[in-house]
PDB file of all heavy atoms in Angstrom:
ATOM      1  N   GLN A   1       1.361  27.128   2.131  1.00  0.00           N
ATOM      2  CA  GLN A   1       1.398  25.825   2.843  1.00  0.00           C
ATOM      3  C   GLN A   1       1.214  24.595   1.892  1.00  0.00           C
ATOM      4  O   GLN A   1       1.688  23.515   2.191  1.00  0.00           O
ATOM      5  CB  GLN A   1       0.272  25.790   3.912  1.00  0.00           C
ATOM      6  CG  GLN A   1       0.683  26.634   5.080  1.00  0.00           C
ATOM      7  CD  GLN A   1      -0.178  26.619   6.284  1.00  0.00           C
ATOM      8  OE1 GLN A   1      -0.144  27.518   7.160  1.00  0.00           O
ATOM      9  NE2 GLN A   1      -1.154  25.781   6.266  1.00  0.00           N
ATOM     10  N   ALA A   2       0.446  24.711   0.833  1.00  0.00           N
ATOM     11  CA  ALA A   2       0.186  23.552  -0.065  1.00  0.00           C
ATOM     12  C   ALA A   2       1.541  23.052  -0.526  1.00  0.00           C
ATOM     13  O   ALA A   2       1.791  21.800  -0.431  1.00  0.00           O
ATOM     14  CB  ALA A   2      -0.638  24.038  -1.257  1.00  0.00           C
ATOM     15  N   PRO A   3       2.427  23.803  -1.141  1.00  0.00           N
ATOM     16  CA  PRO A   3       3.774  23.324  -1.591  1.00  0.00           C
ATOM     17  C   PRO A   3       4.675  22.963  -0.370  1.00  0.00           C
ATOM     18  O   PRO A   3       5.385  21.869  -0.450  1.00  0.00           O
ATOM     19  CB  PRO A   3       4.371  24.422  -2.400  1.00  0.00           C
ATOM     20  CG  PRO A   3       3.688  25.686  -2.011  1.00  0.00           C
ATOM     21  CD  PRO A   3       2.310  25.272  -1.581  1.00  0.00           C
ATOM     22  N   LEU A   4       4.605  23.706   0.721  1.00  0.00           N
ATOM     23  CA  LEU A   4       5.392  23.406   1.860  1.00  0.00           C
ATOM     24  C   LEU A   4       5.084  22.152   2.480  1.00  0.00           C
ATOM     25  O   LEU A   4       5.953  21.302   2.821  1.00  0.00           O
ATOM     26  CB  LEU A   4       5.333  24.543   2.892  1.00  0.00           C
ATOM     27  CG  LEU A   4       6.136  25.809   2.619  1.00  0.00           C
ATOM     28  CD1 LEU A   4       5.835  26.834   3.778  1.00  0.00           C
ATOM     29  CD2 LEU A   4       7.646  25.561   2.553  1.00  0.00           C
ATOM     30  N   ILE A   5       3.773  21.859   2.715  1.00  0.00           N
ATOM     31  CA  ILE A   5       3.380  20.561   3.299  1.00  0.00           C
ATOM     32  C   ILE A   5       3.733  19.412   2.446  1.00  0.00           C
ATOM     33  O   ILE A   5       4.163  18.364   2.900  1.00  0.00           O
ATOM     34  CB  ILE A   5       1.877  20.579   3.759  1.00  0.00           C
ATOM     35  CG1 ILE A   5       1.675  21.646   4.869  1.00  0.00           C
ATOM     36  CG2 ILE A   5       1.409  19.234   4.216  1.00  0.00           C
ATOM     37  CD1 ILE A   5       0.188  21.818   5.249  1.00  0.00           C
ATOM     38  N   GLN A   6       3.488  19.621   1.182  1.00  0.00           N
ATOM     39  CA  GLN A   6       3.952  18.393   0.277  1.00  0.00           C
ATOM     40  C   GLN A   6       5.471  18.208   0.321  1.00  0.00           C
ATOM     41  O   GLN A   6       5.927  17.099   0.311  1.00  0.00           O
ATOM     42  CB  GLN A   6       3.495  18.778  -1.111  1.00  0.00           C
ATOM     43  CG  GLN A   6       2.043  18.790  -1.415  1.00  0.00           C
ATOM     44  CD  GLN A   6       1.721  19.177  -2.862  1.00  0.00           C
ATOM     45  OE1 GLN A   6       1.817  18.516  -3.690  1.00  0.00           O
ATOM     46  NE2 GLN A   6       1.276  20.484  -2.934  1.00  0.00           N
ATOM     47  N   ARG A   7       6.230  19.268   0.453  1.00  0.00           N
ATOM     48  CA  ARG A   7       7.727  19.205   0.554  1.00  0.00           C
ATOM     49  C   ARG A   7       8.161  18.440   1.815  1.00  0.00           C
ATOM     50  O   ARG A   7       8.951  17.590   1.906  1.00  0.00           O
ATOM     51  CB  ARG A   7       8.369  20.525   0.372  1.00  0.00           C
ATOM     52  CG  ARG A   7       9.859  20.448   0.353  1.00  0.00           C
ATOM     53  CD  ARG A   7      10.416  21.946   0.324  1.00  0.00           C
ATOM     54  NE  ARG A   7      11.894  21.888   0.214  1.00  0.00           N
ATOM     55  CZ  ARG A   7      12.575  21.951  -0.888  1.00  0.00           C
ATOM     56  NH1 ARG A   7      11.930  22.085  -2.038  1.00  0.00           N
ATOM     57  NH2 ARG A   7      13.842  21.861  -1.001  1.00  0.00           N
ATOM     58  N   TRP A   8       7.456  18.798   2.966  1.00  0.00           N
ATOM     59  CA  TRP A   8       7.768  18.280   4.198  1.00  0.00           C
ATOM     60  C   TRP A   8       7.319  16.794   4.279  1.00  0.00           C
ATOM     61  O   TRP A   8       7.999  15.966   4.861  1.00  0.00           O
ATOM     62  CB  TRP A   8       7.073  18.970   5.262  1.00  0.00           C
ATOM     63  CG  TRP A   8       7.621  20.455   5.419  1.00  0.00           C
ATOM     64  CD1 TRP A   8       8.735  20.942   5.023  1.00  0.00           C
ATOM     65  CD2 TRP A   8       6.887  21.523   5.972  1.00  0.00           C
ATOM     66  NE1 TRP A   8       8.822  22.324   5.298  1.00  0.00           N
ATOM     67  CE2 TRP A   8       7.565  22.709   5.896  1.00  0.00           C
ATOM     68  CE3 TRP A   8       5.627  21.684   6.641  1.00  0.00           C
ATOM     69  CZ2 TRP A   8       7.257  24.005   6.266  1.00  0.00           C
ATOM     70  CZ3 TRP A   8       5.188  22.914   7.123  1.00  0.00           C
ATOM     71  CH2 TRP A   8       6.019  24.102   7.006  1.00  0.00           C
ATOM     72  N   PHE A   9       6.225  16.506   3.503  1.00  0.00           N
ATOM     73  CA  PHE A   9       5.821  15.126   3.470  1.00  0.00           C
ATOM     74  C   PHE A   9       6.864  14.219   2.790  1.00  0.00           C
ATOM     75  O   PHE A   9       7.169  13.155   3.252  1.00  0.00           O
ATOM     76  CB  PHE A   9       4.500  14.946   2.734  1.00  0.00           C
ATOM     77  CG  PHE A   9       3.985  13.535   2.592  1.00  0.00           C
ATOM     78  CD1 PHE A   9       3.273  13.043   3.529  1.00  0.00           C
ATOM     79  CD2 PHE A   9       4.156  13.006   1.404  1.00  0.00           C
ATOM     80  CE1 PHE A   9       2.771  11.798   3.431  1.00  0.00           C
ATOM     81  CE2 PHE A   9       3.611  11.673   1.186  1.00  0.00           C
ATOM     82  CZ  PHE A   9       2.942  11.094   2.199  1.00  0.00           C
ATOM     83  N   SER A  10       7.442  14.820   1.682  1.00  0.00           N
ATOM     84  CA  SER A  10       8.340  14.001   0.893  1.00  0.00           C
ATOM     85  C   SER A  10       9.729  13.902   1.528  1.00  0.00           C
ATOM     86  O   SER A  10      10.555  13.239   0.942  1.00  0.00           O
ATOM     87  CB  SER A  10       8.494  14.572  -0.546  1.00  0.00           C
ATOM     88  OG  SER A  10       9.022  15.891  -0.525  1.00  0.00           O
ATOM     89  N   ALA A  11       9.969  14.612   2.620  1.00  0.00           N
ATOM     90  CA  ALA A  11      11.216  14.541   3.345  1.00  0.00           C
ATOM     91  C   ALA A  11      11.530  13.140   3.803  1.00  0.00           C
ATOM     92  O   ALA A  11      12.660  12.744   4.035  1.00  0.00           O
ATOM     93  CB  ALA A  11      11.160  15.562   4.591  1.00  0.00           C
ATOM     94  N   ASP A  12      10.428  12.327   4.049  1.00  0.00           N
ATOM     95  CA  ASP A  12      10.685  11.001   4.378  1.00  0.00           C
ATOM     96  C   ASP A  12      10.698  10.205   3.011  1.00  0.00           C
ATOM     97  O   ASP A  12       9.657  10.118   2.321  1.00  0.00           O
ATOM     98  CB  ASP A  12       9.506  10.500   5.198  1.00  0.00           C
ATOM     99  CG  ASP A  12       9.568   9.050   5.648  1.00  0.00           C
ATOM    100  OD1 ASP A  12      10.559   8.347   5.246  1.00  0.00           O
ATOM    101  OD2 ASP A  12       8.876   8.575   6.510  1.00  0.00           O
ATOM    102  N   PRO A  13      11.815   9.612   2.816  1.00  0.00           N
ATOM    103  CA  PRO A  13      11.947   8.849   1.548  1.00  0.00           C
ATOM    104  C   PRO A  13      10.894   7.802   1.278  1.00  0.00           C
ATOM    105  O   PRO A  13      10.524   7.379   0.089  1.00  0.00           O
ATOM    106  CB  PRO A  13      13.363   8.200   1.562  1.00  0.00           C
ATOM    107  CG  PRO A  13      14.146   9.116   2.546  1.00  0.00           C
ATOM    108  CD  PRO A  13      13.129   9.539   3.575  1.00  0.00           C
ATOM    109  N   GLY A  14      10.355   7.248   2.386  1.00  0.00           N
ATOM    110  CA  GLY A  14       9.339   6.208   2.161  1.00  0.00           C
ATOM    111  C   GLY A  14       7.927   6.705   2.139  1.00  0.00           C
ATOM    112  O   GLY A  14       6.968   5.858   2.170  1.00  0.00           O
ATOM    113  N   ALA A  15       7.668   8.003   2.102  1.00  0.00           N
ATOM    114  CA  ALA A  15       6.384   8.587   2.323  1.00  0.00           C
ATOM    115  C   ALA A  15       5.586   8.406   0.980  1.00  0.00           C
ATOM    116  O   ALA A  15       4.283   8.169   1.050  1.00  0.00           O
ATOM    117  CB  ALA A  15       6.460  10.052   2.605  1.00  0.00           C
ATOM    118  N   GLY A  16       6.107   8.441  -0.154  1.00  0.00           N
ATOM    119  CA  GLY A  16       5.362   8.183  -1.372  1.00  0.00           C
ATOM    120  C   GLY A  16       5.383   9.558  -2.087  1.00  0.00           C
ATOM    121  O   GLY A  16       5.975  10.553  -1.834  1.00  0.00           O
ATOM    122  N   ASP A  17       4.590   9.532  -3.224  1.00  0.00           N
ATOM    123  CA  ASP A  17       4.420  10.789  -4.088  1.00  0.00           C
ATOM    124  C   ASP A  17       3.681  11.793  -3.450  1.00  0.00           C
ATOM    125  O   ASP A  17       2.550  11.586  -3.004  1.00  0.00           O
ATOM    126  CB  ASP A  17       3.701  10.263  -5.393  1.00  0.00           C
ATOM    127  CG  ASP A  17       3.792  11.443  -6.427  1.00  0.00           C
ATOM    128  OD1 ASP A  17       4.183  12.547  -6.117  1.00  0.00           O
ATOM    129  OD2 ASP A  17       3.160  11.199  -7.641  1.00  0.00           O
ATOM    130  N   PRO A  18       4.262  13.030  -3.169  1.00  0.00           N
ATOM    131  CA  PRO A  18       3.524  14.088  -2.440  1.00  0.00           C
ATOM    132  C   PRO A  18       2.541  14.780  -3.231  1.00  0.00           C
ATOM    133  O   PRO A  18       1.712  15.436  -2.715  1.00  0.00           O
ATOM    134  CB  PRO A  18       4.720  15.137  -2.097  1.00  0.00           C
ATOM    135  CG  PRO A  18       5.623  14.814  -3.241  1.00  0.00           C
ATOM    136  CD  PRO A  18       5.666  13.435  -3.590  1.00  0.00           C
ATOM    137  N   TYR A  19       2.480  14.659  -4.597  1.00  0.00           N
ATOM    138  CA  TYR A  19       1.596  15.443  -5.506  1.00  0.00           C
ATOM    139  C   TYR A  19       0.183  15.055  -5.236  1.00  0.00           C
ATOM    140  O   TYR A  19      -0.693  15.852  -5.455  1.00  0.00           O
ATOM    141  CB  TYR A  19       1.967  15.236  -6.961  1.00  0.00           C
ATOM    142  CG  TYR A  19       3.210  15.993  -7.418  1.00  0.00           C
ATOM    143  CD1 TYR A  19       4.436  15.248  -7.575  1.00  0.00           C
ATOM    144  CD2 TYR A  19       3.188  17.317  -7.572  1.00  0.00           C
ATOM    145  CE1 TYR A  19       5.594  15.850  -7.962  1.00  0.00           C
ATOM    146  CE2 TYR A  19       4.403  17.998  -7.983  1.00  0.00           C
ATOM    147  CZ  TYR A  19       5.519  17.269  -8.153  1.00  0.00           C
ATOM    148  OH  TYR A  19       6.661  17.935  -8.606  1.00  0.00           O
ATOM    149  N   GLY A  20      -0.108  13.865  -4.676  1.00  0.00           N
ATOM    150  CA  GLY A  20      -1.535  13.487  -4.340  1.00  0.00           C
ATOM    151  C   GLY A  20      -2.014  14.332  -3.402  1.00  0.00           C
ATOM    152  O   GLY A  20      -3.240  14.553  -3.310  1.00  0.00           O
ATOM    153  N   LEU A  21      -1.158  15.010  -2.394  1.00  0.00           N
ATOM    154  CA  LEU A  21      -1.761  15.850  -1.361  1.00  0.00           C
ATOM    155  C   LEU A  21      -2.323  17.058  -1.923  1.00  0.00           C
ATOM    156  O   LEU A  21      -3.235  17.703  -1.325  1.00  0.00           O
ATOM    157  CB  LEU A  21      -0.655  16.186  -0.388  1.00  0.00           C
ATOM    158  CG  LEU A  21      -0.130  15.161   0.551  1.00  0.00           C
ATOM    159  CD1 LEU A  21       1.058  15.722   1.366  1.00  0.00           C
ATOM    160  CD2 LEU A  21      -1.202  14.583   1.460  1.00  0.00           C
ATOM    161  N   TYR A  22      -1.884  17.404  -3.242  1.00  0.00           N
ATOM    162  CA  TYR A  22      -2.461  18.699  -3.810  1.00  0.00           C
ATOM    163  C   TYR A  22      -3.939  18.482  -4.047  1.00  0.00           C
ATOM    164  O   TYR A  22      -4.706  19.465  -4.040  1.00  0.00           O
ATOM    165  CB  TYR A  22      -1.775  19.038  -5.064  1.00  0.00           C
ATOM    166  CG  TYR A  22      -1.834  20.417  -5.493  1.00  0.00           C
ATOM    167  CD1 TYR A  22      -1.588  21.521  -4.661  1.00  0.00           C
ATOM    168  CD2 TYR A  22      -2.447  20.771  -6.747  1.00  0.00           C
ATOM    169  CE1 TYR A  22      -1.782  22.854  -5.037  1.00  0.00           C
ATOM    170  CE2 TYR A  22      -2.609  22.077  -7.120  1.00  0.00           C
ATOM    171  CZ  TYR A  22      -2.256  23.091  -6.262  1.00  0.00           C
ATOM    172  OH  TYR A  22      -2.493  24.399  -6.722  1.00  0.00           O
ATOM    173  N   ALA A  23      -4.318  17.236  -4.289  1.00  0.00           N
ATOM    174  CA  ALA A  23      -5.874  17.008  -4.537  1.00  0.00           C
ATOM    175  C   ALA A  23      -6.611  17.377  -3.312  1.00  0.00           C
ATOM    176  O   ALA A  23      -7.683  17.976  -3.284  1.00  0.00           O
ATOM    177  CB  ALA A  23      -6.030  15.521  -4.970  1.00  0.00           C
ATOM    178  N   ALA A  24      -6.071  16.895  -2.161  1.00  0.00           N
ATOM    179  CA  ALA A  24      -6.743  17.173  -0.822  1.00  0.00           C
ATOM    180  C   ALA A  24      -6.712  18.672  -0.618  1.00  0.00           C
ATOM    181  O   ALA A  24      -7.679  19.267   0.004  1.00  0.00           O
ATOM    182  CB  ALA A  24      -5.953  16.403   0.199  1.00  0.00           C
TER     183      ALA A  24
END
């Protein structure tokens, strides 16, 4: 889920850098 959720987050071009979610 960690990589999947980051990938799904970045599916929106305006969402921003997904790598910060890995800290959470």
